[in-house]
């Protein structure tokens, strides 16, 4: 693990600093009080304190997301995050970029490419996602963590915090973010994937989404700016299946009925990508 990340990690049990420890062939991080956290052979460290009620995305959902993102369909989002991070990141010897709910780490990798002096940390509760995030970028580390709980990071240790289609823990985001840092939040706009939502009867974007984001962050952050990003996606039926499989509808749709509806779509399938990127500063 990159020392620049390790120095800012904290024990999820007692909040003491962590150091690398090796016993035989096993690898782990340990704190002065003796709490130990294994580093998996795939490269991520397990920093869960106890059992999490969430298991995160399944291996199938993660594989679908990896395939879809690798095809470049959501590069509009990655580019927006990279451009914005390069503009708002505070000047530090080595700023730390953290993606809370990082998935495969693709967005974190894009931001690190735009910030050559930065180190990165992917946080997620999904082990299949972290196996990919751990190798998403040479300057990125990955840790298993429930972002609803206390984050395994020192106070004011993060320069840029990414939150892309993921839960928002306002108090913890505020605690770990540098006072001069920025929280970048990507949420779906009302017409995001609208063509598929209507035709395939997928989960709809909450009309009160913006209010819910403000409610979860407003006590701790001020929204400095917000921009919309849009693109037109041209997909095959197979790519539509992948897109549906990587999102929340994968948990709710009846597989056979969904497959039949996708099979009936005319190819190519034109779909709207529409998201909102908000830049939030700590109060």
C-alpha atoms as a PDB file:
ATOM      1  CA  UNK A   1       0.000   0.000   0.000  1.00  0.00           C
ATOM      2  CA  UNK A   2       1.193   3.515  -0.863  1.00  0.00           C
ATOM      3  CA  UNK A   3       2.636   5.142   2.276  1.00  0.00           C
ATOM      4  CA  UNK A   4       0.886   8.371   1.329  1.00  0.00           C
ATOM      5  CA  UNK A   5      -2.431   6.597   1.821  1.00  0.00           C
ATOM      6  CA  UNK A   6      -1.350   4.534   4.819  1.00  0.00           C
ATOM      7  CA  UNK A   7      -0.329   7.583   6.866  1.00  0.00           C
ATOM      8  CA  UNK A   8      -3.900   8.905   6.620  1.00  0.00           C
ATOM      9  CA  UNK A   9      -5.690   5.659   7.439  1.00  0.00           C
ATOM     10  CA  UNK A  10      -7.034   5.076  10.944  1.00  0.00           C
ATOM     11  CA  UNK A  11      -8.098   1.975  12.826  1.00  0.00           C
ATOM     12  CA  UNK A  12     -11.882   1.564  12.483  1.00  0.00           C
ATOM     13  CA  UNK A  13     -12.076   0.284  16.078  1.00  0.00           C
ATOM     14  CA  UNK A  14     -10.073   2.849  18.063  1.00  0.00           C
ATOM     15  CA  UNK A  15      -9.119   5.519  15.454  1.00  0.00           C
ATOM     16  CA  UNK A  16      -5.382   5.072  16.104  1.00  0.00           C
ATOM     17  CA  UNK A  17      -2.902   5.241  13.182  1.00  0.00           C
ATOM     18  CA  UNK A  18      -2.203   2.091  11.212  1.00  0.00           C
ATOM     19  CA  UNK A  19       1.127   0.652  10.139  1.00  0.00           C
ATOM     20  CA  UNK A  20       2.034  -2.220   7.851  1.00  0.00           C
ATOM     21  CA  UNK A  21       2.863  -5.515   9.541  1.00  0.00           C
ATOM     22  CA  UNK A  22       4.068  -8.794   8.079  1.00  0.00           C
ATOM     23  CA  UNK A  23       3.865 -12.173   9.807  1.00  0.00           C
ATOM     24  CA  UNK A  24       5.234 -14.943   7.609  1.00  0.00           C
ATOM     25  CA  UNK A  25       3.441 -14.673   4.292  1.00  0.00           C
ATOM     26  CA  UNK A  26       0.390 -12.927   5.763  1.00  0.00           C
ATOM     27  CA  UNK A  27      -0.001  -9.188   5.253  1.00  0.00           C
ATOM     28  CA  UNK A  28      -1.939  -6.884   7.535  1.00  0.00           C
ATOM     29  CA  UNK A  29      -2.309  -3.378   8.928  1.00  0.00           C
ATOM     30  CA  UNK A  30      -2.118  -2.933  12.685  1.00  0.00           C
ATOM     31  CA  UNK A  31      -2.657  -0.152  15.202  1.00  0.00           C
ATOM     32  CA  UNK A  32      -0.776   0.468  18.495  1.00  0.00           C
ATOM     33  CA  UNK A  33      -3.600  -1.185  20.454  1.00  0.00           C
ATOM     34  CA  UNK A  34      -3.177  -4.451  18.587  1.00  0.00           C
ATOM     35  CA  UNK A  35      -6.151  -4.358  16.244  1.00  0.00           C
ATOM     36  CA  UNK A  36      -5.181  -6.091  13.012  1.00  0.00           C
ATOM     37  CA  UNK A  37      -6.725  -5.949   9.535  1.00  0.00           C
ATOM     38  CA  UNK A  38      -5.819  -8.364   6.776  1.00  0.00           C
ATOM     39  CA  UNK A  39      -4.751  -7.339   3.303  1.00  0.00           C
ATOM     40  CA  UNK A  40      -6.389  -9.703   0.810  1.00  0.00           C
ATOM     41  CA  UNK A  41      -4.269 -11.317  -1.868  1.00  0.00           C
ATOM     42  CA  UNK A  42      -6.236  -9.223  -4.403  1.00  0.00           C
ATOM     43  CA  UNK A  43      -4.730  -6.090  -2.830  1.00  0.00           C
ATOM     44  CA  UNK A  44      -7.466  -4.501  -0.723  1.00  0.00           C
ATOM     45  CA  UNK A  45      -7.471  -4.225   3.073  1.00  0.00           C
ATOM     46  CA  UNK A  46     -10.486  -5.199   5.166  1.00  0.00           C
ATOM     47  CA  UNK A  47     -11.222  -2.227   7.439  1.00  0.00           C
ATOM     48  CA  UNK A  48     -14.699  -3.232   8.528  1.00  0.00           C
ATOM     49  CA  UNK A  49     -15.229  -2.889  12.257  1.00  0.00           C
ATOM     50  CA  UNK A  50     -17.485  -5.836  12.988  1.00  0.00           C
ATOM     51  CA  UNK A  51     -20.160  -7.110  10.664  1.00  0.00           C
ATOM     52  CA  UNK A  52     -21.792  -4.786   8.118  1.00  0.00           C
ATOM     53  CA  UNK A  53     -25.519  -5.085   7.344  1.00  0.00           C
ATOM     54  CA  UNK A  54     -24.662  -4.320   3.716  1.00  0.00           C
ATOM     55  CA  UNK A  55     -22.911  -6.661   1.299  1.00  0.00           C
ATOM     56  CA  UNK A  56     -22.758  -4.268  -1.649  1.00  0.00           C
ATOM     57  CA  UNK A  57     -22.903  -5.169  -5.301  1.00  0.00           C
ATOM     58  CA  UNK A  58     -22.700  -8.805  -6.297  1.00  0.00           C
ATOM     59  CA  UNK A  59     -19.948 -10.230  -8.488  1.00  0.00           C
ATOM     60  CA  UNK A  60     -22.394 -10.279 -11.417  1.00  0.00           C
ATOM     61  CA  UNK A  61     -23.305  -6.599 -10.967  1.00  0.00           C
ATOM     62  CA  UNK A  62     -19.655  -5.604 -10.656  1.00  0.00           C
ATOM     63  CA  UNK A  63     -18.713  -7.554 -13.789  1.00  0.00           C
ATOM     64  CA  UNK A  64     -21.546  -5.870 -15.685  1.00  0.00           C
ATOM     65  CA  UNK A  65     -20.405  -2.440 -14.521  1.00  0.00           C
ATOM     66  CA  UNK A  66     -16.786  -3.148 -15.428  1.00  0.00           C
ATOM     67  CA  UNK A  67     -17.732  -4.228 -18.951  1.00  0.00           C
ATOM     68  CA  UNK A  68     -20.032  -1.255 -19.511  1.00  0.00           C
ATOM     69  CA  UNK A  69     -17.595   1.338 -18.198  1.00  0.00           C
ATOM     70  CA  UNK A  70     -14.685  -0.193 -20.103  1.00  0.00           C
ATOM     71  CA  UNK A  71     -16.648   0.392 -23.312  1.00  0.00           C
ATOM     72  CA  UNK A  72     -16.532   4.137 -22.555  1.00  0.00           C
ATOM     73  CA  UNK A  73     -20.257   4.737 -22.237  1.00  0.00           C
ATOM     74  CA  UNK A  74     -19.909   6.733 -19.003  1.00  0.00           C
ATOM     75  CA  UNK A  75     -16.664   8.500 -19.899  1.00  0.00           C
ATOM     76  CA  UNK A  76     -18.642  11.763 -19.849  1.00  0.00           C
ATOM     77  CA  UNK A  77     -18.959  11.356 -16.082  1.00  0.00           C
ATOM     78  CA  UNK A  78     -15.313  10.369 -15.622  1.00  0.00           C
ATOM     79  CA  UNK A  79     -14.136  13.372 -17.646  1.00  0.00           C
ATOM     80  CA  UNK A  80     -16.373  15.756 -15.698  1.00  0.00           C
ATOM     81  CA  UNK A  81     -15.009  14.484 -12.392  1.00  0.00           C
ATOM     82  CA  UNK A  82     -11.402  14.691 -13.592  1.00  0.00           C
ATOM     83  CA  UNK A  83     -11.796  18.231 -14.938  1.00  0.00           C
ATOM     84  CA  UNK A  84     -13.578  19.421 -11.817  1.00  0.00           C
ATOM     85  CA  UNK A  85     -11.114  17.781  -9.416  1.00  0.00           C
ATOM     86  CA  UNK A  86      -8.183  19.377 -11.223  1.00  0.00           C
ATOM     87  CA  UNK A  87      -9.856  22.758 -10.746  1.00  0.00           C
ATOM     88  CA  UNK A  88     -10.942  22.486  -7.106  1.00  0.00           C
ATOM     89  CA  UNK A  89      -8.297  20.302  -5.427  1.00  0.00           C
ATOM     90  CA  UNK A  90      -6.313  22.171  -2.759  1.00  0.00           C
ATOM     91  CA  UNK A  91      -2.592  22.491  -3.307  1.00  0.00           C
ATOM     92  CA  UNK A  92      -0.853  19.902  -1.112  1.00  0.00           C
ATOM     93  CA  UNK A  93       2.407  17.952  -1.382  1.00  0.00           C
ATOM     94  CA  UNK A  94       0.327  14.852  -2.128  1.00  0.00           C
ATOM     95  CA  UNK A  95      -3.430  15.376  -1.978  1.00  0.00           C
ATOM     96  CA  UNK A  96      -5.501  12.329  -1.079  1.00  0.00           C
ATOM     97  CA  UNK A  97      -8.494  11.558  -3.284  1.00  0.00           C
ATOM     98  CA  UNK A  98     -11.073   9.220  -1.766  1.00  0.00           C
ATOM     99  CA  UNK A  99     -13.974   7.635  -3.633  1.00  0.00           C
ATOM    100  CA  UNK A 100     -16.713   6.667  -1.163  1.00  0.00           C
ATOM    101  CA  UNK A 101     -18.658   3.882  -2.846  1.00  0.00           C
ATOM    102  CA  UNK A 102     -15.984   3.483  -5.493  1.00  0.00           C
ATOM    103  CA  UNK A 103     -17.207   0.366  -7.262  1.00  0.00           C
ATOM    104  CA  UNK A 104     -14.567  -0.742  -9.737  1.00  0.00           C
ATOM    105  CA  UNK A 105     -12.474   2.401  -9.190  1.00  0.00           C
ATOM    106  CA  UNK A 106     -12.784   3.732 -12.731  1.00  0.00           C
ATOM    107  CA  UNK A 107     -13.811   7.248 -11.661  1.00  0.00           C
ATOM    108  CA  UNK A 108     -11.068   7.396  -9.056  1.00  0.00           C
ATOM    109  CA  UNK A 109      -8.536   6.377 -11.709  1.00  0.00           C
ATOM    110  CA  UNK A 110      -9.714   9.165 -14.010  1.00  0.00           C
ATOM    111  CA  UNK A 111      -9.293  11.755 -11.265  1.00  0.00           C
ATOM    112  CA  UNK A 112      -5.838  10.462 -10.319  1.00  0.00           C
ATOM    113  CA  UNK A 113      -4.793  10.717 -13.955  1.00  0.00           C
ATOM    114  CA  UNK A 114      -5.726  14.407 -13.813  1.00  0.00           C
ATOM    115  CA  UNK A 115      -3.886  14.949 -10.495  1.00  0.00           C
ATOM    116  CA  UNK A 116      -0.365  13.525 -10.998  1.00  0.00           C
ATOM    117  CA  UNK A 117       0.745  14.344  -7.423  1.00  0.00           C
ATOM    118  CA  UNK A 118      -2.273  12.738  -5.745  1.00  0.00           C
ATOM    119  CA  UNK A 119      -2.759   9.369  -4.099  1.00  0.00           C
ATOM    120  CA  UNK A 120      -6.129   7.638  -4.072  1.00  0.00           C
ATOM    121  CA  UNK A 121      -8.249   5.396  -1.895  1.00  0.00           C
ATOM    122  CA  UNK A 122     -11.302   3.421  -3.023  1.00  0.00           C
ATOM    123  CA  UNK A 123     -13.831   2.614  -0.282  1.00  0.00           C
ATOM    124  CA  UNK A 124     -16.598   0.108  -0.876  1.00  0.00           C
ATOM    125  CA  UNK A 125     -18.451  -2.633   0.980  1.00  0.00           C
ATOM    126  CA  UNK A 126     -18.424  -4.967  -2.027  1.00  0.00           C
ATOM    127  CA  UNK A 127     -15.487  -7.368  -2.138  1.00  0.00           C
ATOM    128  CA  UNK A 128     -15.944  -8.108  -5.872  1.00  0.00           C
ATOM    129  CA  UNK A 129     -15.752  -4.367  -6.564  1.00  0.00           C
ATOM    130  CA  UNK A 130     -12.637  -3.887  -4.466  1.00  0.00           C
ATOM    131  CA  UNK A 131     -10.809  -6.702  -6.241  1.00  0.00           C
ATOM    132  CA  UNK A 132     -11.005  -4.502  -9.327  1.00  0.00           C
ATOM    133  CA  UNK A 133     -10.552  -1.143  -7.583  1.00  0.00           C
ATOM    134  CA  UNK A 134      -7.300  -2.306  -5.982  1.00  0.00           C
ATOM    135  CA  UNK A 135      -5.694  -2.424  -9.421  1.00  0.00           C
ATOM    136  CA  UNK A 136      -7.568   0.474 -11.048  1.00  0.00           C
ATOM    137  CA  UNK A 137      -4.561   2.826 -10.869  1.00  0.00           C
ATOM    138  CA  UNK A 138      -0.935   2.557  -9.685  1.00  0.00           C
ATOM    139  CA  UNK A 139      -1.492   5.325  -7.112  1.00  0.00           C
ATOM    140  CA  UNK A 140      -4.772   3.916  -5.770  1.00  0.00           C
ATOM    141  CA  UNK A 141      -5.319   1.716  -2.716  1.00  0.00           C
ATOM    142  CA  UNK A 142      -8.591   0.020  -1.796  1.00  0.00           C
ATOM    143  CA  UNK A 143     -10.301  -0.762   1.500  1.00  0.00           C
ATOM    144  CA  UNK A 144     -13.404  -2.675   2.505  1.00  0.00           C
ATOM    145  CA  UNK A 145     -15.454  -0.198   4.539  1.00  0.00           C
ATOM    146  CA  UNK A 146     -19.097   0.598   5.186  1.00  0.00           C
ATOM    147  CA  UNK A 147     -19.470   4.276   4.294  1.00  0.00           C
ATOM    148  CA  UNK A 148     -22.514   4.534   6.582  1.00  0.00           C
ATOM    149  CA  UNK A 149     -20.169   3.962   9.518  1.00  0.00           C
ATOM    150  CA  UNK A 150     -17.152   5.933  10.719  1.00  0.00           C
ATOM    151  CA  UNK A 151     -14.702   6.188   7.834  1.00  0.00           C
ATOM    152  CA  UNK A 152     -11.221   4.688   8.498  1.00  0.00           C
ATOM    153  CA  UNK A 153      -9.505   8.015   7.856  1.00  0.00           C
ATOM    154  CA  UNK A 154      -7.891  10.756   9.911  1.00  0.00           C
ATOM    155  CA  UNK A 155      -9.682  14.041  10.468  1.00  0.00           C
ATOM    156  CA  UNK A 156      -9.190  16.568   7.665  1.00  0.00           C
ATOM    157  CA  UNK A 157      -7.053  14.126   5.690  1.00  0.00           C
ATOM    158  CA  UNK A 158      -8.842  14.148   2.324  1.00  0.00           C
ATOM    159  CA  UNK A 159      -8.404  16.772  -0.390  1.00  0.00           C
ATOM    160  CA  UNK A 160     -11.089  15.562  -2.816  1.00  0.00           C
ATOM    161  CA  UNK A 161     -13.937  13.234  -1.923  1.00  0.00           C
ATOM    162  CA  UNK A 162     -15.868  11.550  -4.734  1.00  0.00           C
ATOM    163  CA  UNK A 163     -19.435  10.301  -4.336  1.00  0.00           C
ATOM    164  CA  UNK A 164     -20.869   8.868  -7.554  1.00  0.00           C
ATOM    165  CA  UNK A 165     -24.323   7.252  -7.455  1.00  0.00           C
ATOM    166  CA  UNK A 166     -23.538   6.227  -3.877  1.00  0.00           C
ATOM    167  CA  UNK A 167     -24.850   6.840  -0.337  1.00  0.00           C
ATOM    168  CA  UNK A 168     -23.830  10.095   1.358  1.00  0.00           C
ATOM    169  CA  UNK A 169     -22.657  10.182   4.964  1.00  0.00           C
ATOM    170  CA  UNK A 170     -22.647  13.936   5.564  1.00  0.00           C
ATOM    171  CA  UNK A 171     -21.114  14.026   9.067  1.00  0.00           C
ATOM    172  CA  UNK A 172     -18.289  11.637   8.191  1.00  0.00           C
ATOM    173  CA  UNK A 173     -17.589  13.287   4.842  1.00  0.00           C
ATOM    174  CA  UNK A 174     -17.233  16.581   6.719  1.00  0.00           C
ATOM    175  CA  UNK A 175     -14.955  15.087   9.376  1.00  0.00           C
ATOM    176  CA  UNK A 176     -12.423  13.618   6.943  1.00  0.00           C
ATOM    177  CA  UNK A 177     -12.418  16.411   4.359  1.00  0.00           C
ATOM    178  CA  UNK A 178      -9.805  19.134   4.556  1.00  0.00           C
ATOM    179  CA  UNK A 179     -11.393  22.574   5.190  1.00  0.00           C
ATOM    180  CA  UNK A 180     -10.076  23.637   1.798  1.00  0.00           C
ATOM    181  CA  UNK A 181     -11.142  20.420   0.099  1.00  0.00           C
ATOM    182  CA  UNK A 182     -14.119  19.585  -2.070  1.00  0.00           C
ATOM    183  CA  UNK A 183     -16.817  16.933  -2.163  1.00  0.00           C
ATOM    184  CA  UNK A 184     -17.896  16.031  -5.704  1.00  0.00           C
ATOM    185  CA  UNK A 185     -21.347  14.429  -5.852  1.00  0.00           C
ATOM    186  CA  UNK A 186     -22.787  12.853  -8.995  1.00  0.00           C
ATOM    187  CA  UNK A 187     -26.503  12.026  -9.011  1.00  0.00           C
ATOM    188  CA  UNK A 188     -28.856  11.034 -11.842  1.00  0.00           C
ATOM    189  CA  UNK A 189     -31.012  13.746 -13.415  1.00  0.00           C
ATOM    190  CA  UNK A 190     -34.745  13.206 -13.836  1.00  0.00           C
ATOM    191  CA  UNK A 191     -34.396  11.947 -17.414  1.00  0.00           C
ATOM    192  CA  UNK A 192     -31.337   9.759 -16.869  1.00  0.00           C
ATOM    193  CA  UNK A 193     -31.863   6.560 -18.906  1.00  0.00           C
ATOM    194  CA  UNK A 194     -35.468   7.705 -19.395  1.00  0.00           C
ATOM    195  CA  UNK A 195     -36.004   5.612 -22.524  1.00  0.00           C
ATOM    196  CA  UNK A 196     -35.114   2.401 -20.689  1.00  0.00           C
ATOM    197  CA  UNK A 197     -37.006   3.334 -17.540  1.00  0.00           C
ATOM    198  CA  UNK A 198     -40.248   3.675 -19.467  1.00  0.00           C
ATOM    199  CA  UNK A 199     -39.826   0.757 -21.853  1.00  0.00           C
ATOM    200  CA  UNK A 200     -38.382  -1.752 -19.392  1.00  0.00           C
ATOM    201  CA  UNK A 201     -40.257  -0.554 -16.299  1.00  0.00           C
ATOM    202  CA  UNK A 202     -37.082   0.083 -14.329  1.00  0.00           C
ATOM    203  CA  UNK A 203     -36.710   1.964 -11.055  1.00  0.00           C
ATOM    204  CA  UNK A 204     -37.352   5.657 -11.581  1.00  0.00           C
ATOM    205  CA  UNK A 205     -35.208   8.527 -10.340  1.00  0.00           C
ATOM    206  CA  UNK A 206     -36.688   9.915  -7.148  1.00  0.00           C
ATOM    207  CA  UNK A 207     -38.332  13.284  -8.031  1.00  0.00           C
ATOM    208  CA  UNK A 208     -37.098  14.585  -4.672  1.00  0.00           C
ATOM    209  CA  UNK A 209     -33.503  13.484  -5.334  1.00  0.00           C
ATOM    210  CA  UNK A 210     -32.050  16.991  -5.142  1.00  0.00           C
ATOM    211  CA  UNK A 211     -33.878  17.656  -1.876  1.00  0.00           C
ATOM    212  CA  UNK A 212     -32.609  14.392  -0.419  1.00  0.00           C
ATOM    213  CA  UNK A 213     -29.019  15.230  -1.356  1.00  0.00           C
ATOM    214  CA  UNK A 214     -29.399  18.671   0.226  1.00  0.00           C
ATOM    215  CA  UNK A 215     -30.904  17.086   3.319  1.00  0.00           C
ATOM    216  CA  UNK A 216     -28.030  14.649   3.760  1.00  0.00           C
ATOM    217  CA  UNK A 217     -25.304  17.251   3.226  1.00  0.00           C
ATOM    218  CA  UNK A 218     -26.775  20.666   4.014  1.00  0.00           C
ATOM    219  CA  UNK A 219     -25.861  20.745   7.702  1.00  0.00           C
ATOM    220  CA  UNK A 220     -22.189  20.242   6.905  1.00  0.00           C
ATOM    221  CA  UNK A 221     -21.622  21.509   3.350  1.00  0.00           C
ATOM    222  CA  UNK A 222     -22.420  24.414   1.077  1.00  0.00           C
ATOM    223  CA  UNK A 223     -22.950  23.660  -2.602  1.00  0.00           C
ATOM    224  CA  UNK A 224     -20.511  25.887  -4.445  1.00  0.00           C
ATOM    225  CA  UNK A 225     -21.649  24.993  -7.960  1.00  0.00           C
ATOM    226  CA  UNK A 226     -23.662  22.460  -9.908  1.00  0.00           C
ATOM    227  CA  UNK A 227     -23.537  21.495 -13.564  1.00  0.00           C
ATOM    228  CA  UNK A 228     -25.478  19.092 -15.727  1.00  0.00           C
ATOM    229  CA  UNK A 229     -23.711  16.624 -17.982  1.00  0.00           C
ATOM    230  CA  UNK A 230     -25.518  14.901 -20.829  1.00  0.00           C
ATOM    231  CA  UNK A 231     -24.656  12.462 -23.581  1.00  0.00           C
ATOM    232  CA  UNK A 232     -26.450  10.279 -26.071  1.00  0.00           C
ATOM    233  CA  UNK A 233     -25.619   6.591 -25.783  1.00  0.00           C
ATOM    234  CA  UNK A 234     -26.015   4.206 -28.703  1.00  0.00           C
ATOM    235  CA  UNK A 235     -26.235   0.686 -27.303  1.00  0.00           C
ATOM    236  CA  UNK A 236     -26.780  -2.857 -28.436  1.00  0.00           C
ATOM    237  CA  UNK A 237     -29.357  -5.034 -26.672  1.00  0.00           C
ATOM    238  CA  UNK A 238     -26.483  -6.833 -24.956  1.00  0.00           C
ATOM    239  CA  UNK A 239     -25.160  -3.508 -23.649  1.00  0.00           C
ATOM    240  CA  UNK A 240     -28.633  -2.591 -22.400  1.00  0.00           C
ATOM    241  CA  UNK A 241     -28.680  -5.865 -20.477  1.00  0.00           C
ATOM    242  CA  UNK A 242     -25.302  -4.989 -19.005  1.00  0.00           C
ATOM    243  CA  UNK A 243     -26.427  -1.455 -18.115  1.00  0.00           C
ATOM    244  CA  UNK A 244     -29.535  -2.709 -16.315  1.00  0.00           C
ATOM    245  CA  UNK A 245     -27.509  -5.406 -14.577  1.00  0.00           C
ATOM    246  CA  UNK A 246     -25.062  -2.946 -13.042  1.00  0.00           C
ATOM    247  CA  UNK A 247     -27.662  -0.738 -11.370  1.00  0.00           C
ATOM    248  CA  UNK A 248     -30.289  -0.966  -8.618  1.00  0.00           C
ATOM    249  CA  UNK A 249     -32.904  -2.387 -10.976  1.00  0.00           C
ATOM    250  CA  UNK A 250     -30.850  -5.582 -11.025  1.00  0.00           C
ATOM    251  CA  UNK A 251     -32.128  -6.248  -7.495  1.00  0.00           C
ATOM    252  CA  UNK A 252     -35.788  -5.654  -8.362  1.00  0.00           C
ATOM    253  CA  UNK A 253     -36.533  -6.663 -11.953  1.00  0.00           C
ATOM    254  CA  UNK A 254     -37.984 -10.088 -12.747  1.00  0.00           C
ATOM    255  CA  UNK A 255     -35.256 -11.619 -14.979  1.00  0.00           C
ATOM    256  CA  UNK A 256     -37.377 -13.433 -17.562  1.00  0.00           C
ATOM    257  CA  UNK A 257     -39.773 -10.545 -18.111  1.00  0.00           C
ATOM    258  CA  UNK A 258     -36.886  -8.078 -18.344  1.00  0.00           C
ATOM    259  CA  UNK A 259     -35.026 -10.258 -20.856  1.00  0.00           C
ATOM    260  CA  UNK A 260     -38.126 -10.466 -23.042  1.00  0.00           C
ATOM    261  CA  UNK A 261     -38.548  -6.713 -23.037  1.00  0.00           C
ATOM    262  CA  UNK A 262     -34.912  -6.126 -23.911  1.00  0.00           C
ATOM    263  CA  UNK A 263     -35.139  -8.669 -26.749  1.00  0.00           C
ATOM    264  CA  UNK A 264     -38.011  -6.647 -28.210  1.00  0.00           C
ATOM    265  CA  UNK A 265     -36.008  -3.420 -28.375  1.00  0.00           C
ATOM    266  CA  UNK A 266     -34.993  -2.200 -31.847  1.00  0.00           C
ATOM    267  CA  UNK A 267     -31.238  -1.960 -32.350  1.00  0.00           C
ATOM    268  CA  UNK A 268     -29.378   0.265 -31.880  1.00  0.00           C
ATOM    269  CA  UNK A 269     -30.978   1.508 -28.668  1.00  0.00           C
ATOM    270  CA  UNK A 270     -30.697   5.271 -28.134  1.00  0.00           C
ATOM    271  CA  UNK A 271     -30.463   6.202 -24.459  1.00  0.00           C
ATOM    272  CA  UNK A 272     -30.011   9.516 -22.626  1.00  0.00           C
ATOM    273  CA  UNK A 273     -27.239   9.897 -20.064  1.00  0.00           C
ATOM    274  CA  UNK A 274     -28.116  12.828 -17.792  1.00  0.00           C
ATOM    275  CA  UNK A 275     -26.421  13.542 -14.466  1.00  0.00           C
ATOM    276  CA  UNK A 276     -25.820  16.404 -12.070  1.00  0.00           C
ATOM    277  CA  UNK A 277     -22.353  17.122 -10.674  1.00  0.00           C
ATOM    278  CA  UNK A 278     -22.344  19.214  -7.509  1.00  0.00           C
ATOM    279  CA  UNK A 279     -19.261  20.714  -5.890  1.00  0.00           C
ATOM    280  CA  UNK A 280     -19.684  20.984  -2.114  1.00  0.00           C
ATOM    281  CA  UNK A 281     -17.411  22.798   0.328  1.00  0.00           C
ATOM    282  CA  UNK A 282     -17.245  22.142   4.075  1.00  0.00           C
ATOM    283  CA  UNK A 283     -19.051  24.669   6.250  1.00  0.00           C
END
